[in-house]
């Protein structure tokens, strides 16, 4: 692992167009060399975008592997590149809503696009909080923590700690950076449509918003064309959210994510088994 970390450190010296092209090349190899993940991605695309031809879905999957590989290698920039260099690469639209984030409890909704770590950097104008998964390798764990903390104070929680420390952080004025759009099983989830397919979806976003009286501000990062950097978009805070119906509010979250995925289909995290958990009696999509 130390050798891998050293290689990543060396990569951060490269110009982004060179680093990005290396990432694309590695991603093309990954598409061929990791058939299990390729199958998952294509299964997800067939379920979510049946209106496309198989050739179109394969093309999206190939671009996804290239984008995912780029995001891994380009983390070297987030971890070690000088802050002024990063600021030139990250284009924020329309602007960071700092005043809103400081005016009361705020949840930053960040769906699983490959550049989500860039979105985290873009949001770091004030201290924030987020979920963190401790890594088994101590050197890599220290690196991930360093990468999250180099832009200012951040309060990190593990999923095992539950919701209480998150609520305390929100009430302390720390925006909570939330990524709720993966399949974590049936616990604390409901089967809510995602691209028309019942998907085990955490209802934590509306429940947290209701409990903390927090506003929800979505933020999504994507690649700019021609290796120019990254685009981070902060969307307006959702009005009248979550309301009284937590399932309807969760569906609203999924609908928003669907819209953003259709705008940048290759950059969503298709290699995750988004439909792994099935309602009772339904067969697996992935076997």
Protein backbone atom coordinates (compact mmCIF):
# COMPACT_ATOMS: atom_id res chain seq x y z
CA UNK A 1 0.00 0.00 0.00
CA UNK A 2 2.85 2.41 0.75
CA UNK A 3 4.17 1.89 -2.80
CA UNK A 4 0.72 2.65 -4.21
CA UNK A 5 0.48 5.80 -2.11
CA UNK A 6 3.93 6.87 -3.32
CA UNK A 7 2.83 6.37 -6.94
CA UNK A 8 -0.28 8.45 -6.36
CA UNK A 9 1.86 11.19 -4.81
CA UNK A 10 4.03 11.26 -7.92
CA UNK A 11 0.95 11.56 -10.14
CA UNK A 12 -0.17 14.83 -8.56
CA UNK A 13 2.77 16.63 -10.23
CA UNK A 14 1.39 15.87 -13.71
CA UNK A 15 -0.71 18.38 -15.65
CA UNK A 16 -4.37 17.45 -15.50
CA UNK A 17 -4.63 16.67 -19.26
CA UNK A 18 -1.82 14.12 -18.89
CA UNK A 19 -3.19 12.67 -15.66
CA UNK A 20 -6.69 12.49 -17.11
CA UNK A 21 -5.52 10.61 -20.20
CA UNK A 22 -3.65 8.12 -18.03
CA UNK A 23 -6.86 7.63 -16.04
CA UNK A 24 -8.84 7.04 -19.21
CA UNK A 25 -6.34 4.44 -20.41
CA UNK A 26 -6.42 2.62 -17.08
CA UNK A 27 -10.22 2.72 -17.10
CA UNK A 28 -10.35 1.14 -20.56
CA UNK A 29 -8.19 -1.70 -19.22
CA UNK A 30 -10.41 -2.02 -16.14
CA UNK A 31 -13.50 -2.44 -18.33
CA UNK A 32 -11.88 -5.47 -19.95
CA UNK A 33 -10.07 -6.85 -16.90
CA UNK A 34 -12.89 -6.70 -14.31
CA UNK A 35 -15.80 -8.64 -15.85
CA UNK A 36 -17.71 -8.80 -12.55
CA UNK A 37 -17.97 -5.01 -12.29
CA UNK A 38 -18.61 -4.69 -16.01
CA UNK A 39 -21.56 -7.07 -15.67
CA UNK A 40 -22.96 -5.06 -12.73
CA UNK A 41 -22.69 -1.79 -14.65
CA UNK A 42 -24.37 -3.19 -17.75
CA UNK A 43 -27.12 -4.82 -15.67
CA UNK A 44 -27.85 -1.49 -13.97
CA UNK A 45 -27.91 0.34 -17.29
CA UNK A 46 -30.28 -2.22 -18.83
CA UNK A 47 -32.64 -1.80 -15.88
CA UNK A 48 -32.45 2.00 -15.72
CA UNK A 49 -32.21 2.88 -19.41
CA UNK A 50 -34.12 0.22 -21.37
CA UNK A 51 -34.92 2.80 -24.05
CA UNK A 52 -31.26 2.81 -25.18
CA UNK A 53 -29.73 0.24 -27.50
CA UNK A 54 -27.26 -2.25 -26.08
CA UNK A 55 -24.47 -0.51 -28.00
CA UNK A 56 -25.39 2.80 -26.37
CA UNK A 57 -25.38 1.23 -22.92
CA UNK A 58 -21.99 -0.40 -23.56
CA UNK A 59 -20.61 2.96 -24.65
CA UNK A 60 -21.87 4.57 -21.39
CA UNK A 61 -20.34 1.73 -19.34
CA UNK A 62 -16.97 2.16 -21.05
CA UNK A 63 -17.02 5.91 -20.38
CA UNK A 64 -18.00 5.21 -16.79
CA UNK A 65 -14.98 2.97 -16.22
CA UNK A 66 -12.74 5.65 -17.69
CA UNK A 67 -14.32 8.34 -15.51
CA UNK A 68 -14.14 6.17 -12.40
CA UNK A 69 -10.45 5.45 -13.03
CA UNK A 70 -9.80 9.15 -13.56
CA UNK A 71 -11.50 9.99 -10.28
CA UNK A 72 -9.23 7.59 -8.41
CA UNK A 73 -5.98 8.86 -9.94
CA UNK A 74 -7.05 12.49 -9.72
CA UNK A 75 -7.60 12.18 -5.99
CA UNK A 76 -3.85 12.70 -5.88
CA UNK A 77 -4.61 16.32 -6.76
CA UNK A 78 -7.15 16.61 -3.96
CA UNK A 79 -4.72 15.14 -1.46
CA UNK A 80 -1.47 16.88 -2.40
CA UNK A 81 -1.86 19.62 -5.03
CA UNK A 82 -1.45 23.19 -3.78
CA UNK A 83 -4.78 24.75 -2.85
CA UNK A 84 -4.44 27.61 -5.41
CA UNK A 85 -3.99 25.03 -8.19
CA UNK A 86 -7.13 23.19 -7.09
CA UNK A 87 -9.16 26.38 -6.91
CA UNK A 88 -8.30 27.09 -10.54
CA UNK A 89 -9.48 23.61 -11.56
CA UNK A 90 -12.78 23.66 -9.62
CA UNK A 91 -15.47 25.81 -11.24
CA UNK A 92 -18.39 26.40 -8.88
CA UNK A 93 -21.86 27.29 -10.19
CA UNK A 94 -23.48 29.58 -9.29
CA UNK A 95 -21.49 29.97 -6.04
CA UNK A 96 -21.05 28.25 -2.70
CA UNK A 97 -24.18 29.06 -0.67
CA UNK A 98 -22.14 29.94 2.39
CA UNK A 99 -24.70 32.32 3.87
CA UNK A 100 -27.41 29.65 3.68
CA UNK A 101 -25.07 27.04 5.14
CA UNK A 102 -24.33 29.34 8.06
CA UNK A 103 -27.93 30.43 8.61
CA UNK A 104 -29.16 27.16 10.09
CA UNK A 105 -28.92 23.35 9.91
CA UNK A 106 -27.98 22.27 6.39
CA UNK A 107 -27.74 18.90 4.66
CA UNK A 108 -25.60 18.84 1.53
CA UNK A 109 -27.05 16.06 -0.64
CA UNK A 110 -24.26 14.59 -2.78
CA UNK A 111 -25.27 11.59 -4.93
CA UNK A 112 -22.68 9.03 -5.99
CA UNK A 113 -21.13 10.60 -9.07
CA UNK A 114 -17.50 9.72 -9.64
CA UNK A 115 -16.31 13.26 -8.80
CA UNK A 116 -18.10 13.41 -5.45
CA UNK A 117 -14.82 14.10 -3.61
CA UNK A 118 -14.46 17.27 -5.68
CA UNK A 119 -17.92 18.32 -4.51
CA UNK A 120 -16.69 17.88 -0.96
CA UNK A 121 -13.76 20.20 -1.64
CA UNK A 122 -16.04 22.77 -3.27
CA UNK A 123 -18.26 22.84 -0.19
CA UNK A 124 -15.43 23.37 2.26
CA UNK A 125 -15.81 27.06 2.97
CA UNK A 126 -16.81 26.32 6.58
CA UNK A 127 -16.39 23.24 8.81
CA UNK A 128 -18.63 20.31 7.84
CA UNK A 129 -19.45 16.79 9.00
CA UNK A 130 -19.81 13.52 7.14
CA UNK A 131 -19.88 9.73 7.36
CA UNK A 132 -16.54 7.94 7.20
CA UNK A 133 -15.77 4.25 6.71
CA UNK A 134 -12.53 3.33 8.54
CA UNK A 135 -10.06 1.46 6.32
CA UNK A 136 -8.36 -1.77 7.36
CA UNK A 137 -4.99 -0.55 6.09
CA UNK A 138 -3.74 2.02 8.59
CA UNK A 139 -1.59 3.94 6.10
CA UNK A 140 -4.49 4.30 3.66
CA UNK A 141 -6.85 5.20 6.51
CA UNK A 142 -4.51 8.02 7.58
CA UNK A 143 -4.31 9.24 3.99
CA UNK A 144 -8.10 9.33 3.55
CA UNK A 145 -8.50 11.22 6.80
CA UNK A 146 -5.78 13.65 5.80
CA UNK A 147 -7.48 14.19 2.43
CA UNK A 148 -10.74 15.06 4.15
CA UNK A 149 -9.15 17.30 6.78
CA UNK A 150 -6.64 19.31 4.71
CA UNK A 151 -9.30 21.83 3.68
CA UNK A 152 -10.36 22.65 7.22
CA UNK A 153 -12.05 21.11 10.24
CA UNK A 154 -14.39 18.19 9.55
CA UNK A 155 -16.27 16.00 12.00
CA UNK A 156 -16.34 12.39 10.81
CA UNK A 157 -18.75 9.69 11.98
CA UNK A 158 -19.01 5.97 11.32
CA UNK A 159 -22.33 4.37 10.42
CA UNK A 160 -22.16 2.37 13.65
CA UNK A 161 -22.51 5.59 15.67
CA UNK A 162 -26.07 6.09 14.47
CA UNK A 163 -27.93 9.34 13.93
CA UNK A 164 -27.42 11.14 17.26
CA UNK A 165 -23.94 12.57 16.56
CA UNK A 166 -25.15 13.74 13.13
CA UNK A 167 -28.05 15.61 14.72
CA UNK A 168 -25.68 17.16 17.25
CA UNK A 169 -23.39 18.32 14.45
CA UNK A 170 -26.32 19.85 12.54
CA UNK A 171 -27.45 21.68 15.65
CA UNK A 172 -23.87 22.85 16.22
CA UNK A 173 -23.95 24.53 12.80
CA UNK A 174 -21.93 21.95 10.84
CA UNK A 175 -23.46 21.17 7.44
CA UNK A 176 -23.79 17.42 6.98
CA UNK A 177 -22.35 16.06 3.71
CA UNK A 178 -24.71 13.16 2.90
CA UNK A 179 -24.51 10.36 0.32
CA UNK A 180 -27.72 8.35 0.78
CA UNK A 181 -28.20 6.81 -2.69
CA UNK A 182 -26.68 3.35 -2.27
CA UNK A 183 -28.20 0.01 -1.29
CA UNK A 184 -27.47 -0.49 2.43
CA UNK A 185 -30.04 -3.26 2.88
CA UNK A 186 -33.57 -3.14 4.25
CA UNK A 187 -32.72 -1.56 7.61
CA UNK A 188 -33.89 2.08 7.72
CA UNK A 189 -34.85 1.78 4.02
CA UNK A 190 -37.97 1.60 1.93
CA UNK A 191 -38.50 0.21 -1.57
CA UNK A 192 -38.79 3.43 -3.53
CA UNK A 193 -38.65 3.53 -7.35
CA UNK A 194 -35.34 4.45 -8.94
CA UNK A 195 -35.70 4.65 -12.71
CA UNK A 196 -38.95 2.72 -12.23
CA UNK A 197 -37.32 -0.18 -10.35
CA UNK A 198 -38.15 -0.68 -6.64
CA UNK A 199 -34.85 0.05 -4.89
CA UNK A 200 -33.98 -0.23 -1.21
CA UNK A 201 -33.46 3.45 -0.43
CA UNK A 202 -32.45 5.03 2.86
CA UNK A 203 -35.17 7.31 4.21
CA UNK A 204 -32.54 9.07 6.32
CA UNK A 205 -32.48 12.29 4.27
CA UNK A 206 -36.07 13.39 4.95
CA UNK A 207 -36.01 12.04 8.50
CA UNK A 208 -32.85 13.97 9.33
CA UNK A 209 -34.19 17.08 7.64
CA UNK A 210 -37.38 16.83 9.68
CA UNK A 211 -35.66 16.06 12.98
CA UNK A 212 -33.09 18.86 12.67
CA UNK A 213 -35.34 21.26 10.72
CA UNK A 214 -32.55 21.33 8.18
CA UNK A 215 -32.60 22.67 4.65
CA UNK A 216 -31.44 20.32 1.88
CA UNK A 217 -29.01 21.72 -0.71
CA UNK A 218 -27.95 19.28 -3.44
CA UNK A 219 -24.40 19.51 -4.79
CA UNK A 220 -22.98 17.55 -7.73
CA UNK A 221 -19.52 17.56 -9.30
CA UNK A 222 -18.74 16.44 -12.85
CA UNK A 223 -15.81 16.60 -15.24
CA UNK A 224 -15.39 19.62 -17.45
CA UNK A 225 -14.65 18.75 -21.09
CA UNK A 226 -11.13 18.58 -22.51
CA UNK A 227 -9.49 18.03 -19.11
CA UNK A 228 -10.18 21.60 -18.02
CA UNK A 229 -11.08 20.62 -14.46
CA UNK A 230 -14.34 20.09 -12.62
CA UNK A 231 -17.78 21.66 -12.45
CA UNK A 232 -19.45 21.81 -9.03
CA UNK A 233 -23.11 22.83 -9.05
CA UNK A 234 -24.98 23.87 -5.91
CA UNK A 235 -28.72 23.59 -6.52
CA UNK A 236 -31.31 25.74 -4.73
CA UNK A 237 -32.45 24.50 -1.34
CA UNK A 238 -35.57 22.37 -1.68
CA UNK A 239 -38.74 24.13 -0.69
CA UNK A 240 -41.34 22.52 1.55
CA UNK A 241 -39.06 19.58 2.26
CA UNK A 242 -39.58 16.99 3.60
CA UNK A 243 -43.26 17.47 4.42
CA UNK A 244 -45.21 14.83 6.32
CA UNK A 245 -44.75 11.85 3.99
CA UNK A 246 -41.24 10.40 4.36
CA UNK A 247 -41.71 7.97 1.48
CA UNK A 248 -42.83 10.73 -0.88
CA UNK A 249 -39.86 12.81 0.25
CA UNK A 250 -37.50 9.89 -0.46
CA UNK A 251 -39.08 9.51 -3.88
CA UNK A 252 -38.41 13.20 -4.51
CA UNK A 253 -34.74 12.58 -3.75
CA UNK A 254 -34.60 9.66 -6.20
CA UNK A 255 -36.34 11.70 -8.90
CA UNK A 256 -33.80 14.48 -8.50
CA UNK A 257 -30.94 11.99 -8.81
CA UNK A 258 -32.52 10.42 -11.90
CA UNK A 259 -32.63 13.83 -13.59
CA UNK A 260 -28.96 14.48 -12.84
CA UNK A 261 -27.97 10.98 -14.01
CA UNK A 262 -29.67 11.54 -17.38
CA UNK A 263 -27.61 14.71 -17.75
CA UNK A 264 -24.31 12.87 -17.12
CA UNK A 265 -25.08 9.15 -17.44
CA UNK A 266 -21.46 7.96 -17.66
CA UNK A 267 -20.46 9.60 -14.39
CA UNK A 268 -22.96 7.92 -12.06
CA UNK A 269 -21.67 5.02 -9.97
CA UNK A 270 -23.03 2.14 -12.07
CA UNK A 271 -20.64 -0.50 -10.69
CA UNK A 272 -22.51 -0.51 -7.37
CA UNK A 273 -25.27 -3.12 -6.95
CA UNK A 274 -27.97 -0.48 -6.57
CA UNK A 275 -30.74 -3.11 -6.74
CA UNK A 276 -29.03 -5.79 -4.63
CA UNK A 277 -31.78 -5.91 -1.99
CA UNK A 278 -35.02 -7.19 -3.47
CA UNK A 279 -38.57 -7.32 -2.10
CA UNK A 280 -39.47 -10.71 -0.65
CA UNK A 281 -39.72 -13.38 -3.32
CA UNK A 282 -38.07 -11.40 -6.10
CA UNK A 283 -34.92 -12.91 -7.68
CA UNK A 284 -31.57 -11.13 -7.82
CA UNK A 285 -30.79 -9.05 -10.89
CA UNK A 286 -27.09 -9.80 -10.57
CA UNK A 287 -26.91 -13.60 -10.46
